[in-house]
Amino acid sequence: MSATDEKPKKPRRPRREFTAEFKAGAVKLVLEGKSIPQVAKELDLTESALRLWVEQVKTDRGEGKPGALTTEEREELSRLRKENRELRLEREILKMRRPSSRRR
């Protein structure tokens, strides 16, 4: 197949944001017995996004894969990484401002 024979790609859907309430409602439908493809189609979602939401809720309930982080743990990790970046930056700034201890 040559480059000219390639199928035209679908344009990417613009990234959308969903409220926590919307996500919870979608996940609830899946947990009540509807299939992920069915709920995704009904709510115009990608199956992969919905699947991630369902997996995260299960993890938060203690039903997830071993080693998976809960939402609370993810938030804490994010906060700690940000704090670590800020402290490293502050340390670098202080190093630059400190007069050299060597005399020439």
N, C-alpha and C. Protein backbone atom coordinates (compact mmCIF):
# COMPACT_ATOMS: atom_id res chain seq x y z
N MET A 1 0.85 -1.18 0.00
CA MET A 1 0.00 0.00 0.00
C MET A 1 0.89 1.24 0.00
N SER A 2 0.69 2.11 -0.92
CA SER A 2 1.51 3.32 -0.99
C SER A 2 0.90 4.42 -0.13
N ALA A 3 1.68 5.48 0.04
CA ALA A 3 1.22 6.59 0.87
C ALA A 3 -0.05 7.22 0.32
N THR A 4 -0.22 7.17 -0.97
CA THR A 4 -1.41 7.79 -1.58
C THR A 4 -2.65 6.93 -1.39
N ASP A 5 -2.47 5.63 -1.05
CA ASP A 5 -3.60 4.73 -0.86
C ASP A 5 -4.12 4.71 0.58
N GLU A 6 -3.48 5.47 1.47
CA GLU A 6 -3.88 5.44 2.87
C GLU A 6 -5.28 6.00 3.04
N LYS A 7 -5.99 5.44 4.03
CA LYS A 7 -7.32 5.94 4.34
C LYS A 7 -7.19 7.32 4.99
N PRO A 8 -8.09 8.22 4.66
CA PRO A 8 -8.04 9.51 5.34
C PRO A 8 -8.39 9.32 6.81
N LYS A 9 -7.65 10.00 7.67
CA LYS A 9 -7.89 9.88 9.10
C LYS A 9 -9.06 10.75 9.51
N LYS A 10 -9.80 10.25 10.50
CA LYS A 10 -10.88 11.07 11.05
C LYS A 10 -10.26 12.24 11.79
N PRO A 11 -10.88 13.40 11.70
CA PRO A 11 -10.35 14.50 12.52
C PRO A 11 -10.54 14.17 13.99
N ARG A 12 -9.57 14.58 14.80
CA ARG A 12 -9.66 14.30 16.23
C ARG A 12 -10.76 15.13 16.85
N ARG A 13 -11.46 14.52 17.76
CA ARG A 13 -12.51 15.20 18.50
C ARG A 13 -11.85 16.18 19.48
N PRO A 14 -12.38 17.39 19.60
CA PRO A 14 -11.79 18.32 20.57
C PRO A 14 -11.89 17.75 21.98
N ARG A 15 -10.88 18.01 22.77
CA ARG A 15 -10.85 17.50 24.15
C ARG A 15 -11.96 18.16 24.95
N ARG A 16 -12.71 17.34 25.64
CA ARG A 16 -13.82 17.86 26.44
C ARG A 16 -13.55 17.61 27.91
N GLU A 17 -14.17 18.41 28.75
CA GLU A 17 -14.07 18.22 30.20
C GLU A 17 -15.45 17.89 30.73
N PHE A 18 -15.46 17.01 31.74
CA PHE A 18 -16.72 16.57 32.32
C PHE A 18 -16.72 16.82 33.81
N THR A 19 -17.87 17.13 34.33
CA THR A 19 -17.98 17.38 35.78
C THR A 19 -17.87 16.05 36.52
N ALA A 20 -17.55 16.15 37.79
CA ALA A 20 -17.47 14.96 38.63
C ALA A 20 -18.83 14.26 38.69
N GLU A 21 -19.90 15.04 38.69
CA GLU A 21 -21.25 14.47 38.74
C GLU A 21 -21.55 13.67 37.48
N PHE A 22 -21.16 14.20 36.33
CA PHE A 22 -21.39 13.49 35.06
C PHE A 22 -20.63 12.17 35.06
N LYS A 23 -19.35 12.22 35.46
CA LYS A 23 -18.53 11.00 35.50
C LYS A 23 -19.14 9.97 36.44
N ALA A 24 -19.57 10.44 37.63
CA ALA A 24 -20.16 9.53 38.61
C ALA A 24 -21.42 8.87 38.05
N GLY A 25 -22.22 9.64 37.35
CA GLY A 25 -23.44 9.09 36.75
C GLY A 25 -23.14 8.06 35.68
N ALA A 26 -22.15 8.34 34.85
CA ALA A 26 -21.76 7.39 33.81
C ALA A 26 -21.23 6.10 34.42
N VAL A 27 -20.39 6.22 35.42
CA VAL A 27 -19.82 5.04 36.09
C VAL A 27 -20.93 4.25 36.77
N LYS A 28 -21.87 4.94 37.38
CA LYS A 28 -22.97 4.26 38.06
C LYS A 28 -23.75 3.38 37.09
N LEU A 29 -23.98 3.87 35.87
CA LEU A 29 -24.70 3.08 34.87
C LEU A 29 -23.94 1.78 34.56
N VAL A 30 -22.62 1.87 34.47
CA VAL A 30 -21.81 0.68 34.19
C VAL A 30 -21.85 -0.28 35.37
N LEU A 31 -21.70 0.27 36.58
CA LEU A 31 -21.69 -0.59 37.76
C LEU A 31 -23.05 -1.23 38.03
N GLU A 32 -24.10 -0.62 37.50
CA GLU A 32 -25.44 -1.20 37.66
C GLU A 32 -25.75 -2.26 36.61
N GLY A 33 -24.81 -2.48 35.68
CA GLY A 33 -25.00 -3.59 34.75
C GLY A 33 -24.94 -3.27 33.27
N LYS A 34 -24.99 -2.01 32.89
CA LYS A 34 -24.87 -1.71 31.46
C LYS A 34 -23.42 -1.89 31.03
N SER A 35 -23.23 -2.21 29.77
CA SER A 35 -21.87 -2.41 29.28
C SER A 35 -21.20 -1.06 29.01
N ILE A 36 -19.89 -1.07 29.07
CA ILE A 36 -19.13 0.15 28.80
C ILE A 36 -19.41 0.66 27.38
N PRO A 37 -19.37 -0.20 26.35
CA PRO A 37 -19.67 0.31 25.01
C PRO A 37 -21.07 0.92 24.90
N GLN A 38 -22.04 0.32 25.56
CA GLN A 38 -23.41 0.82 25.50
C GLN A 38 -23.51 2.21 26.15
N VAL A 39 -22.95 2.36 27.35
CA VAL A 39 -23.01 3.64 28.06
C VAL A 39 -22.21 4.70 27.29
N ALA A 40 -21.07 4.32 26.77
CA ALA A 40 -20.24 5.27 26.02
C ALA A 40 -21.00 5.80 24.81
N LYS A 41 -21.67 4.92 24.12
CA LYS A 41 -22.44 5.33 22.93
C LYS A 41 -23.60 6.25 23.33
N GLU A 42 -24.32 5.86 24.39
CA GLU A 42 -25.47 6.66 24.83
C GLU A 42 -25.06 8.07 25.26
N LEU A 43 -23.88 8.19 25.89
CA LEU A 43 -23.45 9.48 26.42
C LEU A 43 -22.43 10.19 25.53
N ASP A 44 -22.19 9.63 24.35
CA ASP A 44 -21.23 10.20 23.40
C ASP A 44 -19.84 10.36 24.03
N LEU A 45 -19.36 9.25 24.60
CA LEU A 45 -18.03 9.22 25.23
C LEU A 45 -17.17 8.21 24.50
N THR A 46 -15.88 8.30 24.71
CA THR A 46 -15.01 7.24 24.22
C THR A 46 -15.04 6.11 25.25
N GLU A 47 -14.97 4.89 24.75
CA GLU A 47 -14.97 3.74 25.66
C GLU A 47 -13.75 3.79 26.58
N SER A 48 -12.63 4.24 26.04
CA SER A 48 -11.41 4.25 26.85
C SER A 48 -11.53 5.21 28.03
N ALA A 49 -12.12 6.38 27.82
CA ALA A 49 -12.30 7.35 28.91
C ALA A 49 -13.22 6.76 29.99
N LEU A 50 -14.33 6.20 29.55
CA LEU A 50 -15.28 5.63 30.49
C LEU A 50 -14.65 4.46 31.26
N ARG A 51 -13.89 3.65 30.56
CA ARG A 51 -13.22 2.50 31.21
C ARG A 51 -12.26 3.00 32.31
N LEU A 52 -11.52 4.08 32.03
CA LEU A 52 -10.61 4.65 33.03
C LEU A 52 -11.39 5.15 34.25
N TRP A 53 -12.52 5.79 34.01
CA TRP A 53 -13.33 6.30 35.12
C TRP A 53 -13.82 5.15 35.99
N VAL A 54 -14.27 4.08 35.35
CA VAL A 54 -14.78 2.92 36.09
C VAL A 54 -13.65 2.28 36.90
N GLU A 55 -12.49 2.11 36.29
CA GLU A 55 -11.36 1.52 37.00
C GLU A 55 -10.95 2.37 38.20
N GLN A 56 -10.98 3.70 38.05
CA GLN A 56 -10.60 4.58 39.15
C GLN A 56 -11.59 4.48 40.31
N VAL A 57 -12.87 4.41 40.00
CA VAL A 57 -13.88 4.27 41.06
C VAL A 57 -13.69 2.94 41.79
N LYS A 58 -13.43 1.88 41.03
CA LYS A 58 -13.20 0.58 41.67
C LYS A 58 -11.97 0.64 42.56
N THR A 59 -10.92 1.30 42.12
CA THR A 59 -9.70 1.45 42.92
C THR A 59 -10.00 2.22 44.20
N ASP A 60 -10.76 3.30 44.07
CA ASP A 60 -11.11 4.11 45.25
C ASP A 60 -11.92 3.30 46.26
N ARG A 61 -12.66 2.31 45.78
CA ARG A 61 -13.46 1.45 46.66
C ARG A 61 -12.65 0.29 47.22
N GLY A 62 -11.39 0.17 46.80
CA GLY A 62 -10.56 -0.93 47.28
C GLY A 62 -10.71 -2.19 46.44
N GLU A 63 -11.33 -2.06 45.27
CA GLU A 63 -11.57 -3.20 44.39
C GLU A 63 -10.66 -3.19 43.16
N GLY A 64 -9.69 -2.30 43.14
CA GLY A 64 -8.86 -2.14 41.95
C GLY A 64 -7.69 -3.10 41.90
N LYS A 65 -6.88 -2.89 40.89
CA LYS A 65 -5.68 -3.70 40.71
C LYS A 65 -4.69 -3.41 41.84
N PRO A 66 -3.93 -4.42 42.26
CA PRO A 66 -2.93 -4.19 43.30
C PRO A 66 -1.92 -3.12 42.85
N GLY A 67 -1.65 -2.19 43.74
CA GLY A 67 -0.69 -1.13 43.44
C GLY A 67 -1.29 0.09 42.77
N ALA A 68 -2.54 0.02 42.35
CA ALA A 68 -3.18 1.18 41.73
C ALA A 68 -3.42 2.25 42.79
N LEU A 69 -3.22 3.50 42.40
CA LEU A 69 -3.38 4.61 43.34
C LEU A 69 -4.83 5.08 43.39
N THR A 70 -5.31 5.34 44.59
CA THR A 70 -6.64 5.92 44.73
C THR A 70 -6.58 7.38 44.30
N THR A 71 -7.73 7.98 44.12
CA THR A 71 -7.80 9.39 43.74
C THR A 71 -7.10 10.24 44.79
N GLU A 72 -7.33 9.93 46.05
CA GLU A 72 -6.70 10.68 47.14
C GLU A 72 -5.17 10.56 47.07
N GLU A 73 -4.69 9.36 46.81
CA GLU A 73 -3.24 9.15 46.71
C GLU A 73 -2.66 9.88 45.50
N ARG A 74 -3.40 9.88 44.40
CA ARG A 74 -2.94 10.62 43.20
C ARG A 74 -2.83 12.12 43.48
N GLU A 75 -3.83 12.65 44.18
CA GLU A 75 -3.82 14.08 44.52
C GLU A 75 -2.64 14.41 45.44
N GLU A 76 -2.40 13.54 46.42
CA GLU A 76 -1.28 13.76 47.33
C GLU A 76 0.05 13.69 46.59
N LEU A 77 0.19 12.73 45.70
CA LEU A 77 1.42 12.59 44.92
C LEU A 77 1.64 13.83 44.06
N SER A 78 0.61 14.32 43.45
CA SER A 78 0.71 15.52 42.63
C SER A 78 1.14 16.72 43.47
N ARG A 79 0.53 16.86 44.65
CA ARG A 79 0.87 17.97 45.55
C ARG A 79 2.33 17.87 46.00
N LEU A 80 2.77 16.67 46.34
CA LEU A 80 4.15 16.48 46.81
C LEU A 80 5.16 16.73 45.69
N ARG A 81 4.83 16.32 44.48
CA ARG A 81 5.74 16.58 43.34
C ARG A 81 5.87 18.08 43.10
N LYS A 82 4.75 18.80 43.19
CA LYS A 82 4.79 20.25 43.01
C LYS A 82 5.63 20.90 44.10
N GLU A 83 5.41 20.48 45.33
CA GLU A 83 6.17 21.02 46.45
C GLU A 83 7.66 20.73 46.28
N ASN A 84 7.98 19.54 45.83
CA ASN A 84 9.38 19.15 45.61
C ASN A 84 10.02 20.04 44.54
N ARG A 85 9.30 20.29 43.42
CA ARG A 85 9.82 21.19 42.38
C ARG A 85 10.10 22.58 42.94
N GLU A 86 9.17 23.09 43.73
CA GLU A 86 9.32 24.43 44.29
C GLU A 86 10.52 24.49 45.24
N LEU A 87 10.69 23.47 46.07
CA LEU A 87 11.82 23.44 47.00
C LEU A 87 13.15 23.34 46.27
N ARG A 88 13.20 22.56 45.21
CA ARG A 88 14.44 22.46 44.42
C ARG A 88 14.79 23.81 43.79
N LEU A 89 13.76 24.49 43.28
CA LEU A 89 13.97 25.80 42.67
C LEU A 89 14.47 26.79 43.72
N GLU A 90 13.85 26.80 44.88
CA GLU A 90 14.28 27.69 45.95
C GLU A 90 15.73 27.41 46.35
N ARG A 91 16.07 26.13 46.43
CA ARG A 91 17.44 25.75 46.78
C ARG A 91 18.44 26.26 45.73
N GLU A 92 18.08 26.13 44.47
CA GLU A 92 18.97 26.61 43.39
C GLU A 92 19.14 28.12 43.46
N ILE A 93 18.06 28.82 43.75
CA ILE A 93 18.13 30.28 43.87
C ILE A 93 19.04 30.67 45.03
N LEU A 94 18.89 29.97 46.14
CA LEU A 94 19.74 30.28 47.30
C LEU A 94 21.21 29.98 47.01
N LYS A 95 21.49 28.93 46.28
CA LYS A 95 22.87 28.61 45.91
C LYS A 95 23.48 29.74 45.08
N MET A 96 22.69 30.29 44.18
CA MET A 96 23.18 31.35 43.30
C MET A 96 23.43 32.64 44.07
N ARG A 97 22.66 32.89 45.11
CA ARG A 97 22.79 34.14 45.87
C ARG A 97 23.88 34.08 46.92
N ARG A 98 24.26 32.87 47.33
CA ARG A 98 25.25 32.71 48.39
C ARG A 98 26.62 33.13 47.86
N PRO A 99 27.32 34.00 48.62
CA PRO A 99 28.67 34.38 48.18
C PRO A 99 29.59 33.19 48.28
N SER A 100 30.53 33.15 47.39
CA SER A 100 31.49 32.05 47.36
C SER A 100 32.30 32.05 48.64
N SER A 101 32.50 30.88 49.22
CA SER A 101 33.29 30.79 50.46
C SER A 101 34.78 30.81 50.17
N ARG A 102 35.15 30.62 48.93
CA ARG A 102 36.58 30.66 48.57
C ARG A 102 37.01 32.09 48.31
N ARG A 103 38.18 32.39 48.76
CA ARG A 103 38.74 33.72 48.49
C ARG A 103 39.87 33.56 47.51
N ARG A 104 39.92 34.40 46.53
CA ARG A 104 40.98 34.30 45.52
C ARG A 104 41.94 35.42 45.65
